[in-house]
Amino acid sequence: MTGSSGLIGSEAVQYYDNQGYRVIGVDNNMRREFFGPKGDNTWNLVRLQQAVHNFQYVDLDIRDRVGSQSLS
């Protein structure tokens, strides 16, 4: 799930986790870069890690071709 720590991505993570799926969440917290400390979505990542059962987080920019290959 790309953008897993954002508003829509985090809701999707919870939905699929509730359905029993293993969810790999990819996010690089670019909101922090765009909007500064107030845009930081780390709080939502921490909330997800505590709330869902089958969630694995990957700190990755999907434009990173080498890093993205490690997910397969």
N, C-alpha and C. Protein backbone atom coordinates (compact mmCIF):
# COMPACT_ATOMS: atom_id res chain seq x y z
N MET A 1 0.85 -1.15 0.00
CA MET A 1 0.00 0.00 0.00
C MET A 1 0.91 1.23 0.00
N THR A 2 0.90 1.99 -1.06
CA THR A 2 1.69 3.21 -1.10
C THR A 2 0.98 4.31 -0.32
N GLY A 3 1.76 5.17 0.29
CA GLY A 3 1.19 6.24 1.10
C GLY A 3 0.48 5.73 2.34
N SER A 4 1.01 4.67 2.91
CA SER A 4 0.31 3.97 3.99
C SER A 4 0.16 4.76 5.27
N SER A 5 0.93 5.82 5.45
CA SER A 5 0.80 6.62 6.67
C SER A 5 -0.07 7.85 6.47
N GLY A 6 -0.55 8.06 5.27
CA GLY A 6 -1.41 9.19 4.99
C GLY A 6 -2.87 8.88 5.33
N LEU A 7 -3.73 9.82 5.07
CA LEU A 7 -5.14 9.69 5.41
C LEU A 7 -5.81 8.50 4.72
N ILE A 8 -5.77 8.49 3.40
CA ILE A 8 -6.44 7.43 2.64
C ILE A 8 -5.68 6.12 2.75
N GLY A 9 -4.35 6.18 2.65
CA GLY A 9 -3.55 4.96 2.74
C GLY A 9 -3.71 4.25 4.07
N SER A 10 -3.75 4.99 5.16
CA SER A 10 -3.88 4.37 6.48
C SER A 10 -5.25 3.73 6.65
N GLU A 11 -6.28 4.34 6.08
CA GLU A 11 -7.62 3.73 6.13
C GLU A 11 -7.65 2.44 5.33
N ALA A 12 -6.97 2.44 4.19
CA ALA A 12 -6.89 1.23 3.37
C ALA A 12 -6.12 0.12 4.09
N VAL A 13 -5.03 0.49 4.78
CA VAL A 13 -4.27 -0.49 5.56
C VAL A 13 -5.18 -1.14 6.59
N GLN A 14 -5.94 -0.34 7.31
CA GLN A 14 -6.83 -0.90 8.34
C GLN A 14 -7.91 -1.78 7.71
N TYR A 15 -8.46 -1.35 6.60
CA TYR A 15 -9.50 -2.14 5.92
C TYR A 15 -8.97 -3.51 5.53
N TYR A 16 -7.84 -3.56 4.84
CA TYR A 16 -7.31 -4.84 4.38
C TYR A 16 -6.81 -5.70 5.54
N ASP A 17 -6.28 -5.07 6.57
CA ASP A 17 -5.90 -5.83 7.76
C ASP A 17 -7.13 -6.48 8.39
N ASN A 18 -8.22 -5.73 8.47
CA ASN A 18 -9.46 -6.28 9.03
C ASN A 18 -10.01 -7.42 8.18
N GLN A 19 -9.68 -7.44 6.89
CA GLN A 19 -10.11 -8.52 6.00
C GLN A 19 -9.20 -9.74 6.12
N GLY A 20 -8.13 -9.62 6.90
CA GLY A 20 -7.22 -10.73 7.11
C GLY A 20 -6.01 -10.76 6.20
N TYR A 21 -5.80 -9.72 5.41
CA TYR A 21 -4.66 -9.68 4.50
C TYR A 21 -3.41 -9.19 5.22
N ARG A 22 -2.27 -9.65 4.73
CA ARG A 22 -0.99 -9.10 5.15
C ARG A 22 -0.76 -7.84 4.33
N VAL A 23 -0.46 -6.73 4.98
CA VAL A 23 -0.32 -5.45 4.29
C VAL A 23 1.11 -4.95 4.44
N ILE A 24 1.73 -4.67 3.30
CA ILE A 24 3.04 -4.02 3.30
C ILE A 24 2.79 -2.56 2.95
N GLY A 25 3.12 -1.69 3.88
CA GLY A 25 2.89 -0.26 3.70
C GLY A 25 4.17 0.45 3.32
N VAL A 26 4.12 1.22 2.25
CA VAL A 26 5.27 1.98 1.78
C VAL A 26 4.96 3.47 1.93
N ASP A 27 5.84 4.18 2.60
CA ASP A 27 5.66 5.61 2.76
C ASP A 27 7.02 6.23 3.06
N ASN A 28 7.23 7.45 2.60
CA ASN A 28 8.49 8.12 2.89
C ASN A 28 8.26 9.46 3.59
N ASN A 29 7.04 9.69 4.04
CA ASN A 29 6.69 10.87 4.82
C ASN A 29 7.07 12.17 4.09
N MET A 30 6.78 12.23 2.79
CA MET A 30 7.08 13.43 2.02
C MET A 30 6.29 14.63 2.51
N ARG A 31 5.17 14.39 3.19
CA ARG A 31 4.38 15.50 3.74
C ARG A 31 5.25 16.37 4.65
N ARG A 32 6.15 15.73 5.38
CA ARG A 32 7.05 16.48 6.26
C ARG A 32 7.94 17.41 5.45
N GLU A 33 8.38 16.95 4.27
CA GLU A 33 9.22 17.78 3.40
C GLU A 33 8.43 18.94 2.82
N PHE A 34 7.19 18.68 2.44
CA PHE A 34 6.36 19.72 1.81
C PHE A 34 5.83 20.73 2.82
N PHE A 35 5.38 20.26 3.98
CA PHE A 35 4.64 21.10 4.92
C PHE A 35 5.35 21.35 6.25
N GLY A 36 6.54 20.79 6.41
CA GLY A 36 7.28 20.99 7.65
C GLY A 36 6.77 20.09 8.77
N PRO A 37 7.17 20.37 10.00
CA PRO A 37 6.82 19.51 11.13
C PRO A 37 5.32 19.27 11.29
N LYS A 38 4.49 20.24 10.94
CA LYS A 38 3.04 20.06 11.08
C LYS A 38 2.49 19.05 10.08
N GLY A 39 3.23 18.79 9.01
CA GLY A 39 2.79 17.81 8.02
C GLY A 39 3.30 16.40 8.28
N ASP A 40 4.13 16.25 9.28
CA ASP A 40 4.72 14.94 9.60
C ASP A 40 3.64 13.93 9.95
N ASN A 41 3.63 12.79 9.27
CA ASN A 41 2.60 11.78 9.54
C ASN A 41 3.13 10.60 10.35
N THR A 42 4.23 10.77 11.04
CA THR A 42 4.78 9.70 11.88
C THR A 42 3.77 9.26 12.93
N TRP A 43 3.00 10.20 13.47
CA TRP A 43 1.99 9.85 14.48
C TRP A 43 1.00 8.82 13.94
N ASN A 44 0.66 8.94 12.66
CA ASN A 44 -0.30 8.01 12.06
C ASN A 44 0.34 6.65 11.83
N LEU A 45 1.62 6.63 11.50
CA LEU A 45 2.34 5.36 11.36
C LEU A 45 2.37 4.63 12.70
N VAL A 46 2.69 5.33 13.76
CA VAL A 46 2.73 4.72 15.09
C VAL A 46 1.35 4.18 15.46
N ARG A 47 0.31 4.94 15.17
CA ARG A 47 -1.06 4.50 15.44
C ARG A 47 -1.36 3.20 14.69
N LEU A 48 -0.99 3.14 13.41
CA LEU A 48 -1.22 1.94 12.62
C LEU A 48 -0.47 0.74 13.19
N GLN A 49 0.78 0.94 13.53
CA GLN A 49 1.59 -0.16 14.05
C GLN A 49 1.00 -0.73 15.33
N GLN A 50 0.30 0.08 16.09
CA GLN A 50 -0.33 -0.38 17.32
C GLN A 50 -1.71 -0.99 17.08
N ALA A 51 -2.38 -0.56 16.01
CA ALA A 51 -3.78 -0.93 15.79
C ALA A 51 -3.98 -2.15 14.89
N VAL A 52 -3.05 -2.40 13.99
CA VAL A 52 -3.25 -3.50 13.03
C VAL A 52 -2.32 -4.65 13.33
N HIS A 53 -2.67 -5.83 12.82
CA HIS A 53 -1.95 -7.05 13.18
C HIS A 53 -0.97 -7.53 12.12
N ASN A 54 -1.33 -7.41 10.86
CA ASN A 54 -0.52 -7.97 9.77
C ASN A 54 0.04 -6.86 8.89
N PHE A 55 0.75 -5.94 9.51
CA PHE A 55 1.24 -4.75 8.81
C PHE A 55 2.76 -4.69 8.91
N GLN A 56 3.38 -4.51 7.76
CA GLN A 56 4.83 -4.33 7.70
C GLN A 56 5.09 -2.99 7.02
N TYR A 57 5.82 -2.11 7.68
CA TYR A 57 6.10 -0.78 7.14
C TYR A 57 7.47 -0.77 6.47
N VAL A 58 7.53 -0.10 5.31
CA VAL A 58 8.78 0.08 4.59
C VAL A 58 8.95 1.57 4.31
N ASP A 59 10.02 2.16 4.82
CA ASP A 59 10.34 3.57 4.56
C ASP A 59 11.05 3.63 3.22
N LEU A 60 10.30 3.99 2.18
CA LEU A 60 10.84 3.92 0.83
C LEU A 60 10.17 4.93 -0.07
N ASP A 61 10.94 5.58 -0.92
CA ASP A 61 10.42 6.43 -1.97
C ASP A 61 10.22 5.54 -3.19
N ILE A 62 9.00 5.45 -3.70
CA ILE A 62 8.73 4.52 -4.80
C ILE A 62 9.46 4.89 -6.09
N ARG A 63 10.03 6.08 -6.14
CA ARG A 63 10.85 6.45 -7.30
C ARG A 63 12.23 5.82 -7.25
N ASP A 64 12.59 5.22 -6.13
CA ASP A 64 13.88 4.57 -5.94
C ASP A 64 13.80 3.15 -6.52
N ARG A 65 14.25 3.00 -7.76
CA ARG A 65 14.13 1.71 -8.44
C ARG A 65 14.89 0.59 -7.74
N VAL A 66 16.08 0.87 -7.27
CA VAL A 66 16.88 -0.15 -6.58
C VAL A 66 16.19 -0.57 -5.28
N GLY A 67 15.78 0.40 -4.49
CA GLY A 67 15.11 0.10 -3.23
C GLY A 67 13.79 -0.61 -3.43
N SER A 68 13.05 -0.22 -4.48
CA SER A 68 11.76 -0.84 -4.75
C SER A 68 11.90 -2.30 -5.14
N GLN A 69 13.00 -2.65 -5.76
CA GLN A 69 13.21 -4.05 -6.16
C GLN A 69 13.34 -4.96 -4.94
N SER A 70 13.75 -4.40 -3.81
CA SER A 70 13.90 -5.22 -2.61
C SER A 70 12.56 -5.69 -2.06
N LEU A 71 11.46 -5.11 -2.53
CA LEU A 71 10.13 -5.51 -2.06
C LEU A 71 9.63 -6.76 -2.74
N SER A 72 10.19 -7.11 -3.88
CA SER A 72 9.68 -8.28 -4.59
C SER A 72 10.28 -9.57 -4.11
